[in-house]
Amino acid sequence: MRRLVLFISVLAVIAVAVVIVLLRPHVWSVAEREVLRSLWIGSLAPLEKDPSNKFGDDARAARLGHKLFFDKRLSGNGEIACSTCHQPEREFTDGLRLAEGMGPVPKHTPTIIGTAYSPWFFWDGRKDSQWSQALGPMESPVEHGGARTQYAKIIAADRFYRNAYEEIFGKLPDISDNQRFPAIAAPNDVSKSSAAWSAMRAADRQTISRIYSNIGKSIAAYERLILPGASRFDRYVEAVLKGDETTARQIFDGDEIEGLSLFIGEANCIQCHNGALFTNNDFHDTGLPPDGDAADTQGRAAGVKMARADEFNCLGPFSDAGADDCGEIKFAKIAGAELVGSFKTPTLRNVAKTAPYMHDGQLATLAEVIDFYNRAPPSKLGHSALAPLGLSARELKKLERFLMTLDGPIKAPKEFLSAPR
């Protein structure tokens, strides 16, 4: 009997100790609290104006851009819209490994949530604004597969579009002459439309490109409203910063706290995934092996050259910016071995909802991504930004648990999260 009583007493002591450990608040150092503050959505600065798009914060342009974003007529076959790949119900992604438009696209579709804060667009950064990014897919043969004269004529022929366009950008030029303005003409990789474009007068090409650029600026005005909302992580940090340990313990369990501690500490995730959007908006070679013979191994090395040569860049004739407003493009690095194989760091907000992962969708789950970063295999290009972490399986699971707390709502007017009526 005494042994039984002793055994029960020992169990009681252990139980009390476990409860004390579970209830004991995690003590974040002053430095760690500042890191948490920097990741908190409450630290996200107000969105600055895009100097290259003076219509970026025009509510009329946003309404026009909303309609354009969902309009499948803006494609070569009448079946592809921006929303085909950027679906609101999928966090503005498509859930596919590689995007599918008029043909197979060799890149995974990234979310557009919060991308208005980025200085570079596409995985290789070949565009330097949201409006110029919107234009790229529309003339890509494998994405929308259309042409800029086609799109300009849709604006001119559609009563709603024409009225909305002229209210924002001024009177639409007369582009009804099909000899001067062919139905399908664009400076793209399609020989027929490219030849038709080359045959046009320079002034007429300028007229069409101006209309085309304004289409992009309207879409960008819409996309600037698509921002991330507060996640469970943000509520936890807010409680920590207020010193409200009771609320903090109700929001995060022990594994999630330890996962967060690893994220900002031993796992060194914040080297690239920092700031309130969990991205440094920079480019890195992570050593991901090229996938197939046609895989893109150049990344940023090619993208920065394309950005400099782009007619729709910040310094171009269709930009609303002055030369002094375009530092990002003017001083962009053009060459360097470290740029080869480097791709843009994506946001981690809503990351659990945006599988698969990486620029070419190679990794299907968060667990695979975390395992890859933990192993950090050598880059075939010879300059991976990663180093092996040596974390245990249990630690990796805790890190995954933390990442799942970054899911939050989309902060945008409700009517903009579905197709316009």
Protein backbone atom coordinates (compact mmCIF):
# COMPACT_ATOMS: atom_id res chain seq x y z
CA MET A 1 0.00 0.00 0.00
CA ARG A 2 2.82 2.38 0.90
CA ARG A 3 4.43 1.71 -2.47
CA LEU A 4 1.16 2.48 -4.22
CA VAL A 5 0.79 5.72 -2.27
CA LEU A 6 4.40 6.62 -3.06
CA PHE A 7 3.86 5.84 -6.75
CA ILE A 8 0.73 7.99 -6.88
CA SER A 9 2.57 10.82 -5.13
CA VAL A 10 5.39 10.67 -7.65
CA LEU A 11 2.90 10.77 -10.52
CA ALA A 12 1.20 13.77 -8.93
CA VAL A 13 4.51 15.61 -8.62
CA ILE A 14 5.32 14.83 -12.26
CA ALA A 15 1.88 16.00 -13.35
CA VAL A 16 2.26 19.26 -11.44
CA ALA A 17 5.71 19.77 -12.96
CA VAL A 18 4.34 19.18 -16.46
CA VAL A 19 1.51 21.67 -15.86
CA ILE A 20 4.01 24.25 -14.56
CA VAL A 21 6.19 23.78 -17.66
CA LEU A 22 3.21 24.06 -19.98
CA LEU A 23 1.90 27.19 -18.29
CA ARG A 24 5.27 28.84 -17.86
CA PRO A 25 5.45 31.80 -20.25
CA HIS A 26 8.14 31.79 -22.90
CA VAL A 27 10.57 34.58 -22.12
CA TRP A 28 11.63 36.44 -25.25
CA SER A 29 14.75 38.56 -24.96
CA VAL A 30 14.63 42.26 -25.81
CA ALA A 31 16.39 41.54 -29.11
CA GLU A 32 13.97 38.72 -29.94
CA ARG A 33 10.98 40.91 -29.16
CA GLU A 34 12.25 43.47 -31.65
CA VAL A 35 12.58 40.77 -34.29
CA LEU A 36 9.02 39.66 -33.57
CA ARG A 37 7.89 43.27 -33.84
CA SER A 38 9.56 43.55 -37.27
CA LEU A 39 7.65 40.47 -38.50
CA TRP A 40 4.33 41.63 -37.05
CA ILE A 41 1.82 42.91 -39.59
CA GLY A 42 1.35 45.97 -37.41
CA SER A 43 4.85 47.00 -38.54
CA LEU A 44 3.87 46.96 -42.22
CA ALA A 45 4.33 50.52 -43.42
CA PRO A 46 1.63 52.23 -45.49
CA LEU A 47 1.98 51.39 -49.16
CA GLU A 48 4.00 54.06 -50.93
CA LYS A 49 2.89 55.50 -54.24
CA ASP A 50 4.30 53.96 -57.40
CA PRO A 51 5.95 56.92 -59.17
CA SER A 52 5.69 55.09 -62.49
CA ASN A 53 1.89 54.79 -62.18
CA LYS A 54 0.10 58.01 -61.22
CA PHE A 55 -3.21 56.13 -61.44
CA GLY A 56 -2.15 53.45 -58.96
CA ASP A 57 -4.35 54.80 -56.16
CA ASP A 58 -7.24 55.98 -58.33
CA ALA A 59 -10.44 54.19 -57.24
CA ARG A 60 -11.81 54.46 -60.78
CA ALA A 61 -8.74 52.73 -62.16
CA ALA A 62 -9.07 50.00 -59.52
CA ARG A 63 -12.67 49.32 -60.59
CA LEU A 64 -11.60 49.15 -64.22
CA GLY A 65 -8.64 46.94 -63.32
CA HIS A 66 -10.91 44.62 -61.34
CA LYS A 67 -13.03 43.99 -64.43
CA LEU A 68 -9.98 43.57 -66.67
CA PHE A 69 -8.41 41.12 -64.20
CA PHE A 70 -11.33 38.70 -64.62
CA ASP A 71 -12.02 39.27 -68.34
CA LYS A 72 -11.23 36.18 -70.44
CA ARG A 73 -11.52 38.19 -73.64
CA LEU A 74 -8.03 39.46 -72.86
CA SER A 75 -6.47 36.33 -74.36
CA GLY A 76 -5.85 34.68 -77.69
CA ASN A 77 -8.58 32.07 -77.25
CA GLY A 78 -11.09 33.94 -75.06
CA GLU A 79 -10.55 31.48 -72.22
CA ILE A 80 -7.70 32.97 -70.14
CA ALA A 81 -7.82 35.87 -67.68
CA CYS A 82 -5.42 37.05 -64.98
CA SER A 83 -7.76 35.29 -62.54
CA THR A 84 -7.24 31.96 -64.33
CA CYS A 85 -3.92 31.58 -62.54
CA HIS A 86 -4.46 34.11 -59.74
CA GLN A 87 -7.64 32.76 -58.17
CA PRO A 88 -8.91 34.65 -55.09
CA GLU A 89 -10.22 31.46 -53.47
CA ARG A 90 -6.72 29.97 -53.70
CA GLU A 91 -4.97 33.01 -52.21
CA PHE A 92 -4.52 34.34 -55.74
CA THR A 93 -2.59 31.25 -56.90
CA ASP A 94 -3.83 28.23 -58.90
CA GLY A 95 -2.79 25.21 -56.83
CA LEU A 96 -0.85 23.76 -59.77
CA ARG A 97 2.81 22.85 -59.88
CA LEU A 98 3.29 24.86 -63.08
CA ALA A 99 0.90 27.47 -64.44
CA GLU A 100 -1.30 26.63 -67.42
CA GLY A 101 -2.42 29.24 -69.94
CA MET A 102 -2.58 28.91 -73.71
CA GLY A 103 0.19 26.40 -73.16
CA PRO A 104 2.36 25.07 -70.33
CA VAL A 105 4.12 27.82 -68.39
CA PRO A 106 7.51 26.79 -66.95
CA LYS A 107 6.98 28.53 -63.60
CA HIS A 108 4.83 28.11 -60.52
CA THR A 109 2.18 30.81 -60.02
CA PRO A 110 3.09 33.08 -57.08
CA THR A 111 0.46 34.92 -55.07
CA ILE A 112 -0.18 38.59 -55.75
CA ILE A 113 -1.16 39.30 -52.12
CA GLY A 114 1.04 42.12 -50.86
CA THR A 115 3.22 42.20 -53.97
CA ALA A 116 2.55 45.93 -54.37
CA TYR A 117 5.36 46.36 -51.83
CA SER A 118 7.89 44.63 -54.06
CA PRO A 119 10.37 46.49 -56.29
CA TRP A 120 10.65 43.52 -58.67
CA PHE A 121 8.18 41.10 -60.28
CA PHE A 122 8.24 37.57 -61.68
CA TRP A 123 10.54 34.94 -60.18
CA ASP A 124 13.51 36.42 -62.06
CA GLY A 125 12.61 40.09 -61.47
CA ARG A 126 12.30 40.96 -65.14
CA LYS A 127 9.67 43.62 -64.43
CA ASP A 128 10.03 46.58 -62.06
CA SER A 129 6.38 47.50 -61.43
CA GLN A 130 3.02 45.85 -60.94
CA TRP A 131 1.60 47.46 -64.06
CA SER A 132 4.43 46.35 -66.32
CA GLN A 133 4.20 42.85 -64.82
CA ALA A 134 0.49 42.69 -65.72
CA LEU A 135 1.34 43.32 -69.38
CA GLY A 136 3.89 40.51 -69.76
CA PRO A 137 1.57 37.48 -69.57
CA MET A 138 -1.04 39.03 -71.88
CA GLU A 139 1.32 38.86 -74.87
CA SER A 140 3.12 35.67 -73.88
CA PRO A 141 2.24 32.89 -76.36
CA VAL A 142 1.99 30.34 -73.54
CA GLU A 143 0.00 32.51 -71.13
CA HIS A 144 -2.78 34.81 -72.43
CA GLY A 145 -1.49 34.49 -75.98
CA GLY A 146 -3.00 37.73 -77.26
CA ALA A 147 -1.71 40.98 -78.76
CA ARG A 148 -1.82 44.60 -77.68
CA THR A 149 -3.78 45.87 -80.70
CA GLN A 150 -6.42 43.22 -79.90
CA TYR A 151 -6.68 44.47 -76.32
CA ALA A 152 -6.80 48.12 -77.34
CA LYS A 153 -9.66 47.37 -79.72
CA ILE A 154 -11.59 45.59 -76.95
CA ILE A 155 -11.32 48.75 -74.84
CA ALA A 156 -12.53 50.84 -77.78
CA ALA A 157 -15.46 48.54 -78.66
CA ASP A 158 -16.80 47.80 -75.18
CA ARG A 159 -19.02 50.63 -73.93
CA PHE A 160 -18.16 50.15 -70.25
CA TYR A 161 -14.45 49.93 -70.93
CA ARG A 162 -14.41 52.89 -73.26
CA ASN A 163 -16.32 55.13 -70.84
CA ALA A 164 -14.22 54.04 -67.85
CA TYR A 165 -10.97 54.44 -69.80
CA GLU A 166 -11.80 57.94 -71.02
CA GLU A 167 -12.93 59.05 -67.57
CA ILE A 168 -9.50 58.08 -66.18
CA PHE A 169 -7.00 58.53 -69.02
CA GLY A 170 -8.68 60.97 -71.38
CA LYS A 171 -10.14 60.57 -74.84
CA LEU A 172 -9.35 57.28 -76.54
CA PRO A 173 -7.63 57.74 -79.93
CA ASP A 174 -9.44 56.51 -83.03
CA ILE A 175 -7.98 53.06 -83.74
CA SER A 176 -10.79 51.80 -85.99
CA ASP A 177 -8.71 51.78 -89.19
CA ASN A 178 -7.67 48.13 -89.49
CA GLN A 179 -5.01 48.99 -92.05
CA ARG A 180 -3.19 51.26 -89.62
CA PHE A 181 -4.16 49.24 -86.55
CA PRO A 182 -4.29 45.50 -87.41
CA ALA A 183 -6.52 43.26 -85.30
CA ILE A 184 -3.55 41.20 -84.10
CA ALA A 185 -0.22 42.99 -83.82
CA ALA A 186 2.40 42.91 -81.08
CA PRO A 187 6.18 42.87 -80.62
CA ASN A 188 6.15 39.28 -79.37
CA ASP A 189 7.53 35.90 -80.43
CA VAL A 190 4.62 35.10 -82.75
CA SER A 191 5.76 35.73 -86.32
CA LYS A 192 2.39 36.87 -87.74
CA SER A 193 1.62 39.41 -85.02
CA SER A 194 5.25 40.52 -84.84
CA ALA A 195 5.35 41.16 -88.59
CA ALA A 196 2.09 43.12 -88.41
CA TRP A 197 3.54 45.20 -85.59
CA SER A 198 6.73 45.97 -87.49
CA ALA A 199 4.70 47.11 -90.49
CA MET A 200 2.86 49.75 -88.41
CA ARG A 201 4.01 53.35 -88.31
CA ALA A 202 6.03 54.28 -85.23
CA ALA A 203 3.44 56.82 -84.10
CA ASP A 204 0.65 54.23 -84.35
CA ARG A 205 2.68 51.71 -82.38
CA GLN A 206 3.13 54.41 -79.74
CA THR A 207 -0.62 55.02 -79.63
CA ILE A 208 -1.41 51.33 -79.08
CA SER A 209 1.34 50.88 -76.50
CA ARG A 210 0.02 53.85 -74.54
CA ILE A 211 -3.44 52.27 -74.36
CA TYR A 212 -1.83 48.95 -73.47
CA SER A 213 0.22 50.50 -70.68
CA ASN A 214 -2.92 52.08 -69.24
CA ILE A 215 -4.56 48.65 -69.17
CA GLY A 216 -1.63 47.49 -67.03
CA LYS A 217 -1.85 50.53 -64.78
CA SER A 218 -5.54 49.84 -64.15
CA ILE A 219 -4.88 46.21 -63.26
CA ALA A 220 -2.12 47.36 -60.91
CA ALA A 221 -4.51 49.81 -59.22
CA TYR A 222 -6.75 46.82 -58.47
CA GLU A 223 -3.91 44.58 -57.32
CA ARG A 224 -2.58 47.27 -54.95
CA LEU A 225 -5.73 46.70 -52.88
CA ILE A 226 -4.98 42.99 -52.38
CA LEU A 227 -3.10 42.93 -49.07
CA PRO A 228 -2.59 40.39 -46.26
CA GLY A 229 -4.68 40.51 -43.11
CA ALA A 230 -3.63 39.66 -39.56
CA SER A 231 -2.83 35.99 -38.88
CA ARG A 232 -2.74 34.03 -35.64
CA PHE A 233 0.98 34.78 -35.52
CA ASP A 234 0.21 38.52 -35.57
CA ARG A 235 -2.25 38.16 -32.70
CA TYR A 236 0.38 36.25 -30.73
CA VAL A 237 3.03 38.92 -31.30
CA GLU A 238 0.60 41.65 -30.36
CA ALA A 239 -0.08 39.88 -27.06
CA VAL A 240 3.66 39.41 -26.43
CA LEU A 241 4.41 43.07 -27.13
CA LYS A 242 1.66 44.08 -24.70
CA GLY A 243 3.06 41.73 -22.04
CA ASP A 244 -0.21 39.76 -22.03
CA GLU A 245 1.19 36.28 -21.40
CA THR A 246 -2.22 34.78 -20.63
CA THR A 247 -3.56 35.69 -24.07
CA ALA A 248 -0.28 34.70 -25.74
CA ARG A 249 -0.51 31.19 -24.24
CA GLN A 250 -4.08 30.89 -25.51
CA ILE A 251 -3.02 31.77 -29.06
CA PHE A 252 0.17 29.68 -29.43
CA ASP A 253 0.96 26.28 -27.99
CA GLY A 254 4.42 25.18 -26.93
CA ASP A 255 5.39 23.62 -30.28
CA GLU A 256 4.39 26.73 -32.20
CA ILE A 257 6.40 28.93 -29.84
CA GLU A 258 9.44 26.68 -30.22
CA GLY A 259 8.95 26.69 -33.99
CA LEU A 260 8.93 30.48 -33.97
CA SER A 261 12.05 30.48 -31.83
CA LEU A 262 13.76 28.25 -34.40
CA PHE A 263 12.52 30.44 -37.26
CA ILE A 264 14.15 33.60 -35.90
CA GLY A 265 17.09 31.75 -34.38
CA GLU A 266 18.84 28.50 -35.18
CA ALA A 267 17.05 27.87 -38.50
CA ASN A 268 18.07 31.36 -39.71
CA CYS A 269 14.93 31.69 -41.83
CA ILE A 270 14.85 35.45 -41.33
CA GLN A 271 18.02 35.82 -43.37
CA CYS A 272 15.67 35.96 -46.38
CA HIS A 273 12.15 35.79 -44.95
CA ASN A 274 12.17 38.98 -42.92
CA GLY A 275 9.97 42.03 -42.48
CA ALA A 276 6.21 42.11 -42.07
CA LEU A 277 5.71 40.32 -45.39
CA PHE A 278 8.28 37.63 -44.56
CA THR A 279 10.38 38.39 -47.62
CA ASN A 280 13.40 40.56 -48.32
CA ASN A 281 12.22 40.88 -51.96
CA ASP A 282 15.71 39.84 -53.04
CA PHE A 283 17.03 36.98 -55.16
CA HIS A 284 18.91 33.91 -53.96
CA ASP A 285 20.25 30.63 -55.29
CA THR A 286 19.02 28.02 -52.81
CA GLY A 287 20.63 25.09 -54.61
CA LEU A 288 17.36 23.69 -55.93
CA PRO A 289 18.41 21.33 -58.75
CA PRO A 290 17.27 22.36 -62.24
CA ASP A 291 14.18 20.40 -63.24
CA GLY A 292 14.60 19.00 -66.73
CA ASP A 293 16.69 20.02 -69.71
CA ALA A 294 14.66 23.18 -70.32
CA ALA A 295 14.87 24.40 -66.73
CA ASP A 296 15.67 28.06 -66.14
CA THR A 297 19.12 28.19 -64.60
CA GLN A 298 19.79 31.88 -65.23
CA GLY A 299 17.14 33.37 -62.93
CA ARG A 300 17.97 36.90 -61.85
CA ALA A 301 21.05 37.03 -64.11
CA ALA A 302 18.74 37.10 -67.13
CA GLY A 303 15.85 38.89 -65.42
CA VAL A 304 17.75 42.05 -64.55
CA LYS A 305 18.88 42.47 -68.16
CA MET A 306 15.30 42.10 -69.36
CA ALA A 307 14.14 44.68 -66.82
CA ARG A 308 16.68 47.20 -68.06
CA ALA A 309 15.65 46.64 -71.70
CA ASP A 310 11.88 46.66 -71.04
CA GLU A 311 9.96 49.43 -72.83
CA PHE A 312 7.55 49.50 -69.89
CA ASN A 313 10.14 49.95 -67.15
CA CYS A 314 10.30 52.91 -64.80
CA LEU A 315 12.61 54.83 -67.14
CA GLY A 316 10.56 54.04 -70.25
CA PRO A 317 8.31 56.33 -72.31
CA PHE A 318 5.10 55.00 -70.75
CA SER A 319 6.19 55.51 -67.14
CA ASP A 320 4.86 58.45 -65.13
CA ALA A 321 8.08 58.69 -63.12
CA GLY A 322 10.97 61.07 -63.42
CA ALA A 323 14.50 59.73 -63.89
CA ASP A 324 15.31 60.42 -60.23
CA ASP A 325 12.41 58.19 -59.14
CA CYS A 326 13.83 55.05 -60.70
CA GLY A 327 16.83 54.12 -58.59
CA GLU A 328 15.92 50.43 -58.43
CA ILE A 329 16.12 50.04 -62.21
CA LYS A 330 18.77 52.66 -62.90
CA PHE A 331 21.32 51.09 -60.60
CA ALA A 332 20.31 47.45 -61.02
CA LYS A 333 23.23 45.07 -61.14
CA ILE A 334 23.55 43.57 -64.61
CA ALA A 335 26.19 40.87 -64.23
CA GLY A 336 27.69 38.69 -61.56
CA ALA A 337 28.06 34.97 -60.96
CA GLU A 338 25.98 35.23 -57.77
CA LEU A 339 22.91 36.19 -59.83
CA VAL A 340 22.89 32.98 -61.87
CA GLY A 341 20.24 30.59 -60.59
CA SER A 342 18.90 33.19 -58.14
CA PHE A 343 15.14 33.53 -57.79
CA LYS A 344 12.91 35.84 -55.83
CA THR A 345 12.18 35.18 -52.16
CA PRO A 346 8.40 34.67 -51.86
CA THR A 347 6.27 35.86 -48.97
CA LEU A 348 5.49 33.28 -46.31
CA ARG A 349 2.14 34.80 -45.41
CA ASN A 350 -0.59 32.23 -46.15
CA VAL A 351 2.19 29.82 -47.09
CA ALA A 352 0.27 26.74 -45.91
CA LYS A 353 -2.44 27.56 -48.46
CA THR A 354 -0.20 28.10 -51.49
CA ALA A 355 1.35 24.70 -52.21
CA PRO A 356 3.27 23.56 -54.16
CA TYR A 357 6.47 25.49 -53.57
CA MET A 358 9.60 27.00 -55.14
CA HIS A 359 9.81 28.84 -58.46
CA ASP A 360 9.14 25.69 -60.44
CA GLY A 361 6.81 23.98 -58.00
CA GLN A 362 9.21 21.09 -57.38
CA LEU A 363 8.36 20.65 -53.70
CA ALA A 364 4.80 19.57 -52.96
CA THR A 365 4.53 20.17 -49.21
CA LEU A 366 5.83 22.45 -46.49
CA ALA A 367 7.51 19.44 -44.90
CA GLU A 368 9.49 18.86 -48.10
CA VAL A 369 10.55 22.50 -48.24
CA ILE A 370 11.73 22.51 -44.63
CA ASP A 371 13.59 19.24 -45.14
CA PHE A 372 15.30 20.66 -48.25
CA TYR A 373 16.47 23.74 -46.37
CA ASN A 374 17.63 21.59 -43.49
CA ARG A 375 19.77 19.43 -45.80
CA ALA A 376 20.84 22.32 -48.05
CA PRO A 377 22.31 20.14 -50.83
CA PRO A 378 25.15 21.79 -52.77
CA SER A 379 24.08 23.86 -55.74
CA LYS A 380 24.91 22.51 -59.17
CA LEU A 381 25.70 26.12 -60.03
CA GLY A 382 28.18 26.24 -57.17
CA HIS A 383 26.96 29.11 -55.03
CA SER A 384 23.98 28.16 -52.87
CA ALA A 385 23.00 30.71 -50.23
CA LEU A 386 22.14 27.88 -47.84
CA ALA A 387 24.11 25.87 -45.30
CA PRO A 388 22.90 22.65 -43.66
CA LEU A 389 20.97 23.32 -40.45
CA GLY A 390 21.20 19.93 -38.76
CA LEU A 391 17.77 20.21 -37.12
CA SER A 392 16.07 17.12 -35.73
CA ALA A 393 12.85 15.68 -37.13
CA ARG A 394 11.02 17.00 -34.07
CA GLU A 395 12.41 20.49 -34.59
CA LEU A 396 11.43 20.43 -38.26
CA LYS A 397 7.87 19.53 -37.30
CA LYS A 398 7.74 22.44 -34.85
CA LEU A 399 9.00 24.77 -37.54
CA GLU A 400 6.21 23.54 -39.82
CA ARG A 401 3.67 24.06 -37.05
CA PHE A 402 4.80 27.68 -36.73
CA LEU A 403 4.59 28.35 -40.47
CA MET A 404 0.98 27.24 -40.43
CA THR A 405 0.17 30.12 -38.05
CA LEU A 406 0.94 32.62 -40.83
CA ASP A 407 -2.37 31.98 -42.58
CA GLY A 408 -4.69 34.96 -42.43
CA PRO A 409 -7.51 36.61 -44.35
CA ILE A 410 -7.04 38.74 -47.44
CA LYS A 411 -7.40 42.39 -46.55
CA ALA A 412 -9.33 43.86 -49.47
CA PRO A 413 -12.80 45.17 -50.23
CA LYS A 414 -15.11 42.14 -50.39
CA GLU A 415 -16.34 42.94 -53.89
CA PHE A 416 -12.79 42.73 -55.20
CA LEU A 417 -12.35 39.11 -54.08
CA SER A 418 -14.59 37.70 -56.80
CA ALA A 419 -15.47 38.43 -60.40
CA PRO A 420 -17.40 41.68 -60.95
CA ARG A 421 -21.09 41.36 -61.67
